Structure formats: structure tokens, C-alpha cells
Amino acid sequence: MTALRIVLQVLLVLSSFFLIMSILLHKGKGGGLSDMFGGGISSSAGSSGSLNRIAVGVALLWSITIVGLGLVARFA
């Protein structure tokens, strides 16, 4: 159980970081973090639909990791 817990914790940290970055890169009313770098990321990354799919995928991974850590803690 210890190895599974460590793997899930590492996955949680990585997915949290990528979730924060993918949300910050979204272009909103104010432009977001992508305008801070000249807005080149939005033109090279394609449409915002692909960025939305990435954010939703990472959010699902994050949620599954949280549930997994809860199950490990409950049954350990």
C-alpha cells in the first residue's frame, strides 16, 4: 500500500500543477496568463477547444487521484 500511496501522491502533485497551468492559459475577458507572454501560445496551440479538452482531462485525472487516495487511506 505504501508504493501505491506514493504513486498517487506524486500523480496528485503533477496533475495539480498541470491543472493550474492549463486553467491559467485560458483566454478570458482580461486575456489571462497567455497574454503575458505575447499571446503566441494561443495561436500555436490551436483553438481554445483543445485547451478545454486538456483542462477537462487533467481535472478528471485529478479527481480520480483524489478518490484513489481516499480509498487507500480508508482501507489502509
Protein backbone atom coordinates (compact mmCIF):
# COMPACT_ATOMS: atom_id res chain seq x y z
CA MET A 1 0.00 0.00 0.00
CA THR A 2 2.89 2.35 0.62
CA ALA A 3 4.07 2.25 -3.00
CA LEU A 4 0.53 2.85 -4.28
CA ARG A 5 0.11 5.79 -1.90
CA ILE A 6 3.40 7.35 -3.03
CA VAL A 7 2.49 6.92 -6.71
CA LEU A 8 -0.92 8.51 -6.13
CA GLN A 9 0.61 11.42 -4.20
CA VAL A 10 3.13 12.10 -6.96
CA LEU A 11 0.36 11.88 -9.55
CA LEU A 12 -1.72 14.31 -7.47
CA VAL A 13 1.09 16.88 -7.32
CA LEU A 14 1.78 16.64 -11.06
CA SER A 15 -1.87 16.79 -12.05
CA SER A 16 -2.45 19.74 -9.70
CA PHE A 17 0.39 21.64 -11.35
CA PHE A 18 -0.83 20.90 -14.88
CA LEU A 19 -4.42 21.74 -13.94
CA ILE A 20 -3.38 25.12 -12.57
CA MET A 21 -1.29 25.86 -15.66
CA SER A 22 -4.00 24.79 -18.11
CA ILE A 23 -6.56 26.98 -16.35
CA LEU A 24 -4.23 29.97 -16.28
CA LEU A 25 -3.54 29.65 -20.01
CA HIS A 26 -7.20 30.09 -20.90
CA LYS A 27 -8.03 33.35 -22.54
CA GLY A 28 -10.76 35.12 -20.65
CA LYS A 29 -12.03 38.68 -20.67
CA GLY A 30 -8.72 40.02 -19.38
CA GLY A 31 -6.53 37.82 -21.56
CA GLY A 32 -5.08 35.58 -18.85
CA LEU A 33 -1.53 34.44 -18.47
CA SER A 34 -1.18 33.74 -22.19
CA ASP A 35 -1.22 37.47 -22.98
CA MET A 36 1.62 37.98 -20.55
CA PHE A 37 3.87 36.09 -22.99
CA GLY A 38 2.68 37.92 -26.06
CA GLY A 39 -0.32 35.76 -26.84
CA GLY A 40 1.74 33.39 -29.01
CA ILE A 41 0.63 30.34 -27.08
CA SER A 42 -2.99 30.76 -28.13
CA SER A 43 -2.15 30.92 -31.82
CA SER A 44 0.28 27.99 -31.76
CA ALA A 45 -1.85 25.76 -29.51
CA GLY A 46 -4.78 25.90 -31.89
CA SER A 47 -8.28 26.71 -30.81
CA SER A 48 -9.33 27.05 -27.21
CA GLY A 49 -11.28 23.82 -27.65
CA SER A 50 -8.09 21.77 -27.43
CA LEU A 51 -7.08 23.66 -24.31
CA ASN A 52 -10.51 22.98 -22.84
CA ARG A 53 -10.13 19.26 -23.55
CA ILE A 54 -6.73 19.21 -21.89
CA ALA A 55 -8.07 21.02 -18.81
CA VAL A 56 -11.04 18.66 -18.52
CA GLY A 57 -8.82 15.60 -18.94
CA VAL A 58 -6.40 16.77 -16.28
CA ALA A 59 -9.31 17.65 -13.97
CA LEU A 60 -10.69 14.12 -14.37
CA LEU A 61 -7.27 12.65 -13.63
CA TRP A 62 -7.00 14.88 -10.56
CA SER A 63 -10.45 13.79 -9.34
CA ILE A 64 -9.69 10.11 -9.83
CA THR A 65 -6.41 10.53 -7.96
CA ILE A 66 -8.21 12.19 -5.03
CA VAL A 67 -10.75 9.35 -4.87
CA GLY A 68 -7.93 6.80 -5.06
CA LEU A 69 -6.05 8.43 -2.21
CA GLY A 70 -9.25 8.48 -0.14
CA LEU A 71 -9.81 4.78 -0.76
CA VAL A 72 -6.22 3.94 0.14
CA ALA A 73 -6.49 5.95 3.37
CA ARG A 74 -9.81 4.34 4.27
CA PHE A 75 -8.77 0.74 3.73
CA ALA A 76 -5.19 1.01 4.96
